[in-house]
Amino acid sequence: MRLAAVLRGVWRWLRPRRTQKVTRAGRTYLVLTIGIGLGALNTGNNLLYLVLGVQLATIVASGVLSEASLRGLRVRRLGAEAPHAGEPFVYRLAISRQRGTSFGLTFSETHPQLEGSAALAILRPGVEVVVRCHLLAPRRGPYALRGVRVTTTFPLGLFSKGRILEVPGELLVFPRRVPAPSGDALSDGGRGQRAARRFRREGDGDTAGLRPLRPGEDARRVHWLKSAERGQLLRVERDAEETRSVVLYLDTAARGALLERACEETAARVRALLAGGAEVGLEAAPERLPPDHGARHERLLLGALARAGLDEAAPR
């Protein structure tokens, strides 16, 4: 079994799968080559034979150089920041190769539902270059990524040769952005609202007390008058403003357009409440996130809404 696997690996290395298409310029070039070949056969003109030989050698050289540009490539997924359905977003890939130089590369995902690509003019050996693919996803949810398609028209643009690099990964696309529902965010689909007065160091409310300044803390919070009286640096602690704590509920039993609309509206409520300073939680079976705030918590909430009611996508 091990020997068979080794032989399959050697065969893939010697004969890697390629796709090759003739470009518009390539079709014109082939028609001219055939015409000159027919003319050389009919007339026996040595000059036409010479031109035909140069044209055929150009086709062979084009294939060899394009193959050299595609060999030895390494792709590493870096991911996207906050992709939303129906909106173009940037997905980053890190490209490198150990030996040789590649020219005129284009990168795209093999997943049939992801549109978009990225271009790289030149890739030198030993240098990792980050390319930005501008992709578009039609729906929310997890996308199982299997490979990256690399194509090149180097050197003359006569042929477009490509290969697929197997780079597994997952892309989680957040729900489509829609305007937040008018009125109170809890009027439909929310519960558990409560006001809370929280104590934290970075609060800007009333003075809550003084304590010794710890190493590494911001000196702008020092109360200099009291520090001079006590003979040590004292830090002012303040209360934060009153905040709401909200738990949103999503009915994952719904299906189809109803579920998609509910996810989009809930995501809009999440963004509106967090922007207003509220702590937001979510119940979307089986996910249950306690109320919290901040950019990281927003990503957790949107990620849970992206997966709500969906099975994991199969690799493509």
C-alpha atoms as a PDB file:
ATOM      1  CA  MET A   1       0.000   0.000   0.000  1.00  0.00           C
ATOM      2  CA  ARG A   2       2.829   2.382   0.847  1.00  0.00           C
ATOM      3  CA  LEU A   3       4.566   1.620  -2.439  1.00  0.00           C
ATOM      4  CA  ALA A   4       1.334   2.279  -4.346  1.00  0.00           C
ATOM      5  CA  ALA A   5       0.932   5.644  -2.618  1.00  0.00           C
ATOM      6  CA  VAL A   6       4.513   6.562  -3.473  1.00  0.00           C
ATOM      7  CA  LEU A   7       3.973   5.600  -7.109  1.00  0.00           C
ATOM      8  CA  ARG A   8       0.793   7.671  -7.284  1.00  0.00           C
ATOM      9  CA  GLY A   9       2.661  10.637  -5.826  1.00  0.00           C
ATOM     10  CA  VAL A  10       5.460  10.254  -8.367  1.00  0.00           C
ATOM     11  CA  TRP A  11       2.937  10.025 -11.193  1.00  0.00           C
ATOM     12  CA  ARG A  12       1.146  13.183 -10.009  1.00  0.00           C
ATOM     13  CA  TRP A  13       4.481  14.979  -9.846  1.00  0.00           C
ATOM     14  CA  LEU A  14       5.494  13.871 -13.333  1.00  0.00           C
ATOM     15  CA  ARG A  15       2.095  14.404 -14.917  1.00  0.00           C
ATOM     16  CA  PRO A  16       0.225  17.028 -12.893  1.00  0.00           C
ATOM     17  CA  ARG A  17      -3.283  17.808 -14.068  1.00  0.00           C
ATOM     18  CA  ARG A  18      -3.485  20.923 -16.234  1.00  0.00           C
ATOM     19  CA  THR A  19      -6.182  22.814 -18.051  1.00  0.00           C
ATOM     20  CA  GLN A  20      -5.342  24.664 -21.232  1.00  0.00           C
ATOM     21  CA  LYS A  21      -7.481  27.011 -23.289  1.00  0.00           C
ATOM     22  CA  VAL A  22      -6.696  28.914 -26.437  1.00  0.00           C
ATOM     23  CA  THR A  23      -7.124  32.676 -26.090  1.00  0.00           C
ATOM     24  CA  ARG A  24      -8.500  34.956 -28.797  1.00  0.00           C
ATOM     25  CA  ALA A  25      -4.987  35.953 -29.798  1.00  0.00           C
ATOM     26  CA  GLY A  26      -4.007  32.284 -29.788  1.00  0.00           C
ATOM     27  CA  ARG A  27      -6.804  31.364 -32.200  1.00  0.00           C
ATOM     28  CA  THR A  28      -5.668  34.050 -34.612  1.00  0.00           C
ATOM     29  CA  TYR A  29      -2.079  32.829 -34.305  1.00  0.00           C
ATOM     30  CA  LEU A  30      -3.085  29.208 -34.985  1.00  0.00           C
ATOM     31  CA  VAL A  31      -5.091  30.202 -38.063  1.00  0.00           C
ATOM     32  CA  LEU A  32      -2.081  32.096 -39.426  1.00  0.00           C
ATOM     33  CA  THR A  33       0.199  29.132 -38.654  1.00  0.00           C
ATOM     34  CA  ILE A  34      -2.079  26.724 -40.514  1.00  0.00           C
ATOM     35  CA  GLY A  35      -2.333  29.132 -43.446  1.00  0.00           C
ATOM     36  CA  ILE A  36       1.431  29.505 -43.704  1.00  0.00           C
ATOM     37  CA  GLY A  37       1.832  25.731 -43.421  1.00  0.00           C
ATOM     38  CA  LEU A  38      -0.580  25.126 -46.294  1.00  0.00           C
ATOM     39  CA  GLY A  39       1.181  27.789 -48.340  1.00  0.00           C
ATOM     40  CA  ALA A  40       4.564  26.182 -47.687  1.00  0.00           C
ATOM     41  CA  LEU A  41       3.292  22.764 -48.778  1.00  0.00           C
ATOM     42  CA  ASN A  42       1.708  24.084 -51.962  1.00  0.00           C
ATOM     43  CA  THR A  43       4.575  26.318 -53.074  1.00  0.00           C
ATOM     44  CA  GLY A  44       7.637  24.617 -51.594  1.00  0.00           C
ATOM     45  CA  ASN A  45       8.984  28.054 -50.647  1.00  0.00           C
ATOM     46  CA  ASN A  46      11.859  27.701 -48.192  1.00  0.00           C
ATOM     47  CA  LEU A  47      11.101  31.071 -46.588  1.00  0.00           C
ATOM     48  CA  LEU A  48       7.566  29.913 -45.718  1.00  0.00           C
ATOM     49  CA  TYR A  49       9.004  26.731 -44.199  1.00  0.00           C
ATOM     50  CA  LEU A  50      11.337  28.871 -42.099  1.00  0.00           C
ATOM     51  CA  VAL A  51       8.450  31.058 -40.881  1.00  0.00           C
ATOM     52  CA  LEU A  52       6.379  27.957 -40.134  1.00  0.00           C
ATOM     53  CA  GLY A  53       9.221  26.492 -38.088  1.00  0.00           C
ATOM     54  CA  VAL A  54       9.547  29.674 -36.066  1.00  0.00           C
ATOM     55  CA  GLN A  55       5.805  29.720 -35.376  1.00  0.00           C
ATOM     56  CA  LEU A  56       5.744  26.083 -34.258  1.00  0.00           C
ATOM     57  CA  ALA A  57       8.780  26.661 -32.052  1.00  0.00           C
ATOM     58  CA  THR A  58       6.998  29.632 -30.485  1.00  0.00           C
ATOM     59  CA  ILE A  59       4.034  27.415 -29.570  1.00  0.00           C
ATOM     60  CA  VAL A  60       6.346  24.855 -27.969  1.00  0.00           C
ATOM     61  CA  ALA A  61       8.282  27.544 -26.077  1.00  0.00           C
ATOM     62  CA  SER A  62       5.031  29.076 -24.837  1.00  0.00           C
ATOM     63  CA  GLY A  63       3.966  25.735 -23.371  1.00  0.00           C
ATOM     64  CA  VAL A  64       7.323  25.148 -21.689  1.00  0.00           C
ATOM     65  CA  LEU A  65       7.517  28.622 -20.133  1.00  0.00           C
ATOM     66  CA  SER A  66       3.936  28.585 -18.873  1.00  0.00           C
ATOM     67  CA  GLU A  67       4.527  25.178 -17.294  1.00  0.00           C
ATOM     68  CA  ALA A  68       7.621  26.526 -15.553  1.00  0.00           C
ATOM     69  CA  SER A  69       5.548  29.376 -14.102  1.00  0.00           C
ATOM     70  CA  LEU A  70       2.991  26.972 -12.622  1.00  0.00           C
ATOM     71  CA  ARG A  71       5.381  24.460 -11.060  1.00  0.00           C
ATOM     72  CA  GLY A  72       6.571  24.666  -7.462  1.00  0.00           C
ATOM     73  CA  LEU A  73       3.895  27.097  -6.249  1.00  0.00           C
ATOM     74  CA  ARG A  74       2.850  27.096  -2.600  1.00  0.00           C
ATOM     75  CA  VAL A  75      -0.383  28.691  -1.404  1.00  0.00           C
ATOM     76  CA  ARG A  76      -1.320  29.470   2.198  1.00  0.00           C
ATOM     77  CA  ARG A  77      -4.762  30.735   3.195  1.00  0.00           C
ATOM     78  CA  LEU A  78      -4.910  33.897   5.322  1.00  0.00           C
ATOM     79  CA  GLY A  79      -8.688  34.341   5.204  1.00  0.00           C
ATOM     80  CA  ALA A  80     -11.080  37.290   5.153  1.00  0.00           C
ATOM     81  CA  GLU A  81     -11.879  39.861   7.837  1.00  0.00           C
ATOM     82  CA  ALA A  82     -15.692  40.121   7.803  1.00  0.00           C
ATOM     83  CA  PRO A  83     -17.279  38.704   4.632  1.00  0.00           C
ATOM     84  CA  HIS A  84     -21.004  39.345   4.152  1.00  0.00           C
ATOM     85  CA  ALA A  85     -23.302  37.670   1.649  1.00  0.00           C
ATOM     86  CA  GLY A  86     -24.026  39.700  -1.457  1.00  0.00           C
ATOM     87  CA  GLU A  87     -21.081  42.085  -0.917  1.00  0.00           C
ATOM     88  CA  PRO A  88     -17.581  41.956  -2.427  1.00  0.00           C
ATOM     89  CA  PHE A  89     -14.948  41.164   0.181  1.00  0.00           C
ATOM     90  CA  VAL A  90     -11.187  40.618   0.271  1.00  0.00           C
ATOM     91  CA  TYR A  91      -9.804  37.112   0.795  1.00  0.00           C
ATOM     92  CA  ARG A  92      -6.035  36.994   1.218  1.00  0.00           C
ATOM     93  CA  LEU A  93      -3.670  34.284  -0.018  1.00  0.00           C
ATOM     94  CA  ALA A  94       0.066  33.983   0.651  1.00  0.00           C
ATOM     95  CA  ILE A  95       1.959  32.782  -2.442  1.00  0.00           C
ATOM     96  CA  SER A  96       5.561  31.558  -2.587  1.00  0.00           C
ATOM     97  CA  ARG A  97       7.964  29.263  -4.422  1.00  0.00           C
ATOM     98  CA  GLN A  98      11.456  28.055  -3.639  1.00  0.00           C
ATOM     99  CA  ARG A  99      13.087  28.093  -7.071  1.00  0.00           C
ATOM    100  CA  GLY A 100      12.418  29.851 -10.336  1.00  0.00           C
ATOM    101  CA  THR A 101      10.294  32.887 -11.146  1.00  0.00           C
ATOM    102  CA  SER A 102       6.616  32.942 -12.084  1.00  0.00           C
ATOM    103  CA  PHE A 103       4.939  35.532 -14.292  1.00  0.00           C
ATOM    104  CA  GLY A 104       1.356  36.595 -14.986  1.00  0.00           C
ATOM    105  CA  LEU A 105      -0.478  34.466 -12.411  1.00  0.00           C
ATOM    106  CA  THR A 106      -4.209  34.616 -11.688  1.00  0.00           C
ATOM    107  CA  PHE A 107      -5.750  33.007  -8.577  1.00  0.00           C
ATOM    108  CA  SER A 108      -9.370  31.994  -8.000  1.00  0.00           C
ATOM    109  CA  GLU A 109     -11.337  29.591  -5.800  1.00  0.00           C
ATOM    110  CA  THR A 110     -12.560  26.262  -7.159  1.00  0.00           C
ATOM    111  CA  HIS A 111     -15.830  26.558  -5.220  1.00  0.00           C
ATOM    112  CA  PRO A 112     -18.523  27.103  -7.887  1.00  0.00           C
ATOM    113  CA  GLN A 113     -20.439  29.687  -5.824  1.00  0.00           C
ATOM    114  CA  LEU A 114     -17.501  32.004  -5.136  1.00  0.00           C
ATOM    115  CA  GLU A 115     -16.839  34.572  -7.843  1.00  0.00           C
ATOM    116  CA  GLY A 116     -13.739  36.695  -8.213  1.00  0.00           C
ATOM    117  CA  SER A 117      -9.974  36.417  -8.597  1.00  0.00           C
ATOM    118  CA  ALA A 118      -6.619  38.055  -7.908  1.00  0.00           C
ATOM    119  CA  ALA A 119      -3.649  38.745 -10.188  1.00  0.00           C
ATOM    120  CA  LEU A 120       0.086  38.624  -9.528  1.00  0.00           C
ATOM    121  CA  ALA A 121       2.472  40.018 -12.127  1.00  0.00           C
ATOM    122  CA  ILE A 122       5.704  38.417 -10.883  1.00  0.00           C
ATOM    123  CA  LEU A 123       6.691  36.002  -8.111  1.00  0.00           C
ATOM    124  CA  ARG A 124      10.373  35.740  -7.275  1.00  0.00           C
ATOM    125  CA  PRO A 125      11.899  32.707  -5.520  1.00  0.00           C
ATOM    126  CA  GLY A 126      12.130  32.701  -1.726  1.00  0.00           C
ATOM    127  CA  VAL A 127       9.665  35.592  -1.313  1.00  0.00           C
ATOM    128  CA  GLU A 128       6.142  35.160   0.085  1.00  0.00           C
ATOM    129  CA  VAL A 129       3.684  37.568  -1.527  1.00  0.00           C
ATOM    130  CA  VAL A 130       0.181  38.265  -0.195  1.00  0.00           C
ATOM    131  CA  VAL A 131      -2.477  38.657  -2.896  1.00  0.00           C
ATOM    132  CA  ARG A 132      -5.969  40.033  -2.325  1.00  0.00           C
ATOM    133  CA  CYS A 133      -8.772  38.099  -4.012  1.00  0.00           C
ATOM    134  CA  HIS A 134     -11.939  40.153  -4.423  1.00  0.00           C
ATOM    135  CA  LEU A 135     -14.657  37.516  -3.962  1.00  0.00           C
ATOM    136  CA  LEU A 136     -18.458  37.542  -3.891  1.00  0.00           C
ATOM    137  CA  ALA A 137     -20.552  34.965  -2.004  1.00  0.00           C
ATOM    138  CA  PRO A 138     -24.271  34.694  -2.817  1.00  0.00           C
ATOM    139  CA  ARG A 139     -25.394  33.267   0.541  1.00  0.00           C
ATOM    140  CA  ARG A 140     -24.464  33.148   4.204  1.00  0.00           C
ATOM    141  CA  GLY A 141     -22.968  30.142   5.940  1.00  0.00           C
ATOM    142  CA  PRO A 142     -19.807  28.025   5.857  1.00  0.00           C
ATOM    143  CA  TYR A 143     -18.125  27.361   2.525  1.00  0.00           C
ATOM    144  CA  ALA A 144     -15.863  24.305   2.466  1.00  0.00           C
ATOM    145  CA  LEU A 145     -12.868  25.291   0.344  1.00  0.00           C
ATOM    146  CA  ARG A 146     -10.880  22.573  -1.332  1.00  0.00           C
ATOM    147  CA  GLY A 147      -8.484  24.167  -3.776  1.00  0.00           C
ATOM    148  CA  VAL A 148      -7.137  27.276  -5.486  1.00  0.00           C
ATOM    149  CA  ARG A 149      -7.071  27.510  -9.265  1.00  0.00           C
ATOM    150  CA  VAL A 150      -3.924  29.111 -10.707  1.00  0.00           C
ATOM    151  CA  THR A 151      -3.785  30.190 -14.359  1.00  0.00           C
ATOM    152  CA  THR A 152      -1.269  32.022 -16.518  1.00  0.00           C
ATOM    153  CA  THR A 153      -1.115  33.330 -20.077  1.00  0.00           C
ATOM    154  CA  PHE A 154       2.658  33.841 -19.933  1.00  0.00           C
ATOM    155  CA  PRO A 155       4.636  34.437 -22.107  1.00  0.00           C
ATOM    156  CA  LEU A 156       2.722  35.585 -25.207  1.00  0.00           C
ATOM    157  CA  GLY A 157      -0.936  35.338 -24.211  1.00  0.00           C
ATOM    158  CA  LEU A 158      -1.650  32.626 -26.808  1.00  0.00           C
ATOM    159  CA  PHE A 159      -2.794  29.993 -24.312  1.00  0.00           C
ATOM    160  CA  SER A 160      -4.275  30.083 -20.818  1.00  0.00           C
ATOM    161  CA  LYS A 161      -2.809  27.216 -18.818  1.00  0.00           C
ATOM    162  CA  GLY A 162      -3.997  26.386 -15.315  1.00  0.00           C
ATOM    163  CA  ARG A 163      -3.684  23.955 -12.452  1.00  0.00           C
ATOM    164  CA  ILE A 164      -5.487  23.364  -9.155  1.00  0.00           C
ATOM    165  CA  LEU A 165      -3.565  23.446  -5.881  1.00  0.00           C
ATOM    166  CA  GLU A 166      -5.245  21.497  -3.091  1.00  0.00           C
ATOM    167  CA  VAL A 167      -5.475  23.906  -0.151  1.00  0.00           C
ATOM    168  CA  PRO A 168      -8.354  22.898   2.155  1.00  0.00           C
ATOM    169  CA  GLY A 169     -10.029  25.487   4.342  1.00  0.00           C
ATOM    170  CA  GLU A 170     -13.317  27.029   5.388  1.00  0.00           C
ATOM    171  CA  LEU A 171     -14.849  30.430   4.679  1.00  0.00           C
ATOM    172  CA  LEU A 172     -17.628  31.620   6.990  1.00  0.00           C
ATOM    173  CA  VAL A 173     -19.842  34.235   5.345  1.00  0.00           C
ATOM    174  CA  PHE A 174     -21.995  36.442   7.596  1.00  0.00           C
ATOM    175  CA  PRO A 175     -25.661  37.189   6.816  1.00  0.00           C
ATOM    176  CA  ARG A 176     -26.510  39.796   4.206  1.00  0.00           C
ATOM    177  CA  ARG A 177     -26.514  43.350   5.543  1.00  0.00           C
ATOM    178  CA  VAL A 178     -29.968  44.945   5.739  1.00  0.00           C
ATOM    179  CA  PRO A 179     -31.210  48.095   7.519  1.00  0.00           C
ATOM    180  CA  ALA A 180     -31.992  47.608  11.199  1.00  0.00           C
ATOM    181  CA  PRO A 181     -35.732  47.231  11.939  1.00  0.00           C
ATOM    182  CA  SER A 182     -37.358  50.490  12.987  1.00  0.00           C
ATOM    183  CA  GLY A 183     -38.277  50.941  16.632  1.00  0.00           C
ATOM    184  CA  ASP A 184     -36.948  49.071  19.632  1.00  0.00           C
ATOM    185  CA  ALA A 185     -34.716  46.129  18.794  1.00  0.00           C
ATOM    186  CA  LEU A 186     -36.627  44.051  21.343  1.00  0.00           C
ATOM    187  CA  SER A 187     -40.024  44.598  19.759  1.00  0.00           C
ATOM    188  CA  ASP A 188     -39.654  41.338  17.847  1.00  0.00           C
ATOM    189  CA  GLY A 189     -37.256  38.510  18.599  1.00  0.00           C
ATOM    190  CA  GLY A 190     -35.537  39.889  21.683  1.00  0.00           C
ATOM    191  CA  ARG A 191     -35.870  39.416  25.399  1.00  0.00           C
ATOM    192  CA  GLY A 192     -34.079  39.846  28.684  1.00  0.00           C
ATOM    193  CA  GLN A 193     -33.501  43.591  28.557  1.00  0.00           C
ATOM    194  CA  ARG A 194     -32.039  45.060  31.725  1.00  0.00           C
ATOM    195  CA  ALA A 195     -30.067  48.158  32.705  1.00  0.00           C
ATOM    196  CA  ALA A 196     -26.718  47.557  34.375  1.00  0.00           C
ATOM    197  CA  ARG A 197     -24.213  49.943  35.942  1.00  0.00           C
ATOM    198  CA  ARG A 198     -20.832  48.376  35.334  1.00  0.00           C
ATOM    199  CA  PHE A 199     -17.536  49.226  37.036  1.00  0.00           C
ATOM    200  CA  ARG A 200     -14.466  49.288  34.829  1.00  0.00           C
ATOM    201  CA  ARG A 201     -11.155  51.118  34.686  1.00  0.00           C
ATOM    202  CA  GLU A 202     -11.784  52.819  31.351  1.00  0.00           C
ATOM    203  CA  GLY A 203     -15.205  54.200  32.364  1.00  0.00           C
ATOM    204  CA  ASP A 204     -15.961  57.900  31.885  1.00  0.00           C
ATOM    205  CA  GLY A 205     -18.736  58.313  34.458  1.00  0.00           C
ATOM    206  CA  ASP A 206     -18.623  59.522  38.058  1.00  0.00           C
ATOM    207  CA  THR A 207     -15.563  59.002  40.241  1.00  0.00           C
ATOM    208  CA  ALA A 208     -15.802  55.664  42.027  1.00  0.00           C
ATOM    209  CA  GLY A 209     -12.605  55.794  44.087  1.00  0.00           C
ATOM    210  CA  LEU A 210      -8.829  55.929  44.173  1.00  0.00           C
ATOM    211  CA  ARG A 211      -6.240  53.173  44.224  1.00  0.00           C
ATOM    212  CA  PRO A 212      -2.442  52.926  43.788  1.00  0.00           C
ATOM    213  CA  LEU A 213      -1.205  53.097  40.221  1.00  0.00           C
ATOM    214  CA  ARG A 214       0.057  49.734  39.001  1.00  0.00           C
ATOM    215  CA  PRO A 215       3.147  49.344  36.778  1.00  0.00           C
ATOM    216  CA  GLY A 216       2.333  49.784  33.096  1.00  0.00           C
ATOM    217  CA  GLU A 217      -0.966  51.645  33.604  1.00  0.00           C
ATOM    218  CA  ASP A 218      -1.826  54.915  31.892  1.00  0.00           C
ATOM    219  CA  ALA A 219      -0.496  57.896  33.872  1.00  0.00           C
ATOM    220  CA  ARG A 220      -3.245  60.131  32.505  1.00  0.00           C
ATOM    221  CA  ARG A 221      -5.616  58.625  35.097  1.00  0.00           C
ATOM    222  CA  VAL A 222      -3.430  59.778  38.020  1.00  0.00           C
ATOM    223  CA  HIS A 223      -5.035  62.167  40.524  1.00  0.00           C
ATOM    224  CA  TRP A 224      -2.031  64.407  41.096  1.00  0.00           C
ATOM    225  CA  LEU A 225      -3.416  66.424  44.062  1.00  0.00           C
ATOM    226  CA  LYS A 226      -4.330  63.344  46.124  1.00  0.00           C
ATOM    227  CA  SER A 227      -1.069  61.653  45.072  1.00  0.00           C
ATOM    228  CA  ALA A 228       0.894  64.599  46.474  1.00  0.00           C
ATOM    229  CA  GLU A 229      -1.028  64.409  49.788  1.00  0.00           C
ATOM    230  CA  ARG A 230      -0.544  60.633  50.154  1.00  0.00           C
ATOM    231  CA  GLY A 231       3.005  60.489  48.869  1.00  0.00           C
ATOM    232  CA  GLN A 232       2.237  57.863  46.197  1.00  0.00           C
ATOM    233  CA  LEU A 233       0.674  57.786  42.742  1.00  0.00           C
ATOM    234  CA  LEU A 234      -3.095  57.251  42.972  1.00  0.00           C
ATOM    235  CA  ARG A 235      -5.235  56.285  40.011  1.00  0.00           C
ATOM    236  CA  VAL A 236      -8.813  57.497  39.551  1.00  0.00           C
ATOM    237  CA  GLU A 237     -11.402  54.782  38.921  1.00  0.00           C
ATOM    238  CA  ARG A 238     -14.689  55.757  37.331  1.00  0.00           C
ATOM    239  CA  ASP A 239     -18.016  54.088  36.711  1.00  0.00           C
ATOM    240  CA  ALA A 240     -19.051  53.304  33.171  1.00  0.00           C
ATOM    241  CA  GLU A 241     -22.273  54.644  31.734  1.00  0.00           C
ATOM    242  CA  GLU A 242     -25.473  52.681  32.207  1.00  0.00           C
ATOM    243  CA  THR A 243     -25.771  49.961  29.568  1.00  0.00           C
ATOM    244  CA  ARG A 244     -28.501  47.640  28.409  1.00  0.00           C
ATOM    245  CA  SER A 245     -28.090  43.895  28.414  1.00  0.00           C
ATOM    246  CA  VAL A 246     -30.120  42.213  25.664  1.00  0.00           C
ATOM    247  CA  VAL A 247     -30.570  38.597  24.619  1.00  0.00           C
ATOM    248  CA  LEU A 248     -31.858  38.058  21.070  1.00  0.00           C
ATOM    249  CA  TYR A 249     -33.710  34.886  20.143  1.00  0.00           C
ATOM    250  CA  LEU A 250     -33.663  33.262  16.682  1.00  0.00           C
ATOM    251  CA  ASP A 251     -36.138  30.543  15.737  1.00  0.00           C
ATOM    252  CA  THR A 252     -33.990  28.049  13.838  1.00  0.00           C
ATOM    253  CA  ALA A 253     -37.034  25.849  13.149  1.00  0.00           C
ATOM    254  CA  ALA A 254     -37.939  28.154  10.261  1.00  0.00           C
ATOM    255  CA  ARG A 255     -36.650  27.269   6.820  1.00  0.00           C
ATOM    256  CA  GLY A 256     -36.000  28.872   3.475  1.00  0.00           C
ATOM    257  CA  ALA A 257     -36.628  32.566   2.949  1.00  0.00           C
ATOM    258  CA  LEU A 258     -38.150  32.996   6.408  1.00  0.00           C
ATOM    259  CA  LEU A 259     -34.979  31.788   8.126  1.00  0.00           C
ATOM    260  CA  GLU A 260     -32.749  33.917   5.886  1.00  0.00           C
ATOM    261  CA  ARG A 261     -34.808  37.020   6.586  1.00  0.00           C
ATOM    262  CA  ALA A 262     -34.785  36.323  10.324  1.00  0.00           C
ATOM    263  CA  CYS A 263     -30.991  35.922  10.321  1.00  0.00           C
ATOM    264  CA  GLU A 264     -30.497  39.153   8.384  1.00  0.00           C
ATOM    265  CA  GLU A 265     -32.794  41.157  10.685  1.00  0.00           C
ATOM    266  CA  THR A 266     -31.226  39.664  13.822  1.00  0.00           C
ATOM    267  CA  ALA A 267     -27.750  40.530  12.529  1.00  0.00           C
ATOM    268  CA  ALA A 268     -28.934  44.094  11.890  1.00  0.00           C
ATOM    269  CA  ARG A 269     -30.248  44.272  15.482  1.00  0.00           C
ATOM    270  CA  VAL A 270     -26.927  42.980  16.787  1.00  0.00           C
ATOM    271  CA  ARG A 271     -24.995  45.716  14.993  1.00  0.00           C
ATOM    272  CA  ALA A 272     -27.434  48.441  16.059  1.00  0.00           C
ATOM    273  CA  LEU A 273     -27.472  47.413  19.726  1.00  0.00           C
ATOM    274  CA  LEU A 274     -23.696  47.057  19.965  1.00  0.00           C
ATOM    275  CA  ALA A 275     -23.208  50.419  18.279  1.00  0.00           C
ATOM    276  CA  GLY A 276     -25.544  51.899  20.891  1.00  0.00           C
ATOM    277  CA  GLY A 277     -23.425  50.561  23.743  1.00  0.00           C
ATOM    278  CA  ALA A 278     -25.613  47.601  24.741  1.00  0.00           C
ATOM    279  CA  GLU A 279     -24.409  44.149  25.729  1.00  0.00           C
ATOM    280  CA  VAL A 280     -25.927  41.602  23.360  1.00  0.00           C
ATOM    281  CA  GLY A 281     -26.444  37.865  23.735  1.00  0.00           C
ATOM    282  CA  LEU A 282     -27.950  35.322  21.358  1.00  0.00           C
ATOM    283  CA  GLU A 283     -29.992  32.127  21.564  1.00  0.00           C
ATOM    284  CA  ALA A 284     -30.056  30.248  18.256  1.00  0.00           C
ATOM    285  CA  ALA A 285     -30.213  26.529  18.965  1.00  0.00           C
ATOM    286  CA  PRO A 286     -27.821  24.927  19.589  1.00  0.00           C
ATOM    287  CA  GLU A 287     -25.750  28.127  20.012  1.00  0.00           C
ATOM    288  CA  ARG A 288     -26.154  30.159  23.188  1.00  0.00           C
ATOM    289  CA  LEU A 289     -23.950  33.210  23.700  1.00  0.00           C
ATOM    290  CA  PRO A 290     -24.151  35.297  26.903  1.00  0.00           C
ATOM    291  CA  PRO A 291     -24.444  39.094  26.658  1.00  0.00           C
ATOM    292  CA  ASP A 292     -21.180  40.907  26.026  1.00  0.00           C
ATOM    293  CA  HIS A 293     -19.778  43.748  23.937  1.00  0.00           C
ATOM    294  CA  GLY A 294     -16.833  44.523  21.665  1.00  0.00           C
ATOM    295  CA  ALA A 295     -15.665  43.673  18.138  1.00  0.00           C
ATOM    296  CA  ARG A 296     -14.677  40.101  19.016  1.00  0.00           C
ATOM    297  CA  HIS A 297     -18.098  39.381  20.512  1.00  0.00           C
ATOM    298  CA  GLU A 298     -19.776  40.879  17.436  1.00  0.00           C
ATOM    299  CA  ARG A 299     -17.886  38.403  15.240  1.00  0.00           C
ATOM    300  CA  LEU A 300     -19.020  35.534  17.473  1.00  0.00           C
ATOM    301  CA  LEU A 301     -22.641  36.640  17.198  1.00  0.00           C
ATOM    302  CA  LEU A 302     -22.499  37.076  13.419  1.00  0.00           C
ATOM    303  CA  GLY A 303     -20.706  33.724  13.083  1.00  0.00           C
ATOM    304  CA  ALA A 304     -23.467  31.977  15.044  1.00  0.00           C
ATOM    305  CA  LEU A 305     -26.089  33.617  12.824  1.00  0.00           C
ATOM    306  CA  ALA A 306     -24.133  32.555   9.729  1.00  0.00           C
ATOM    307  CA  ARG A 307     -24.322  28.898  10.789  1.00  0.00           C
ATOM    308  CA  ALA A 308     -27.886  28.990  12.150  1.00  0.00           C
ATOM    309  CA  GLY A 309     -30.076  26.303  10.602  1.00  0.00           C
ATOM    310  CA  LEU A 310     -27.388  25.168   8.145  1.00  0.00           C
ATOM    311  CA  ASP A 311     -25.406  21.955   7.872  1.00  0.00           C
ATOM    312  CA  GLU A 312     -21.665  22.042   7.249  1.00  0.00           C
ATOM    313  CA  ALA A 313     -20.970  22.402   3.541  1.00  0.00           C
ATOM    314  CA  ALA A 314     -19.349  19.471   1.798  1.00  0.00           C
ATOM    315  CA  PRO A 315     -15.879  20.038   0.278  1.00  0.00           C
ATOM    316  CA  ARG A 316     -15.901  21.142  -3.351  1.00  0.00           C
END
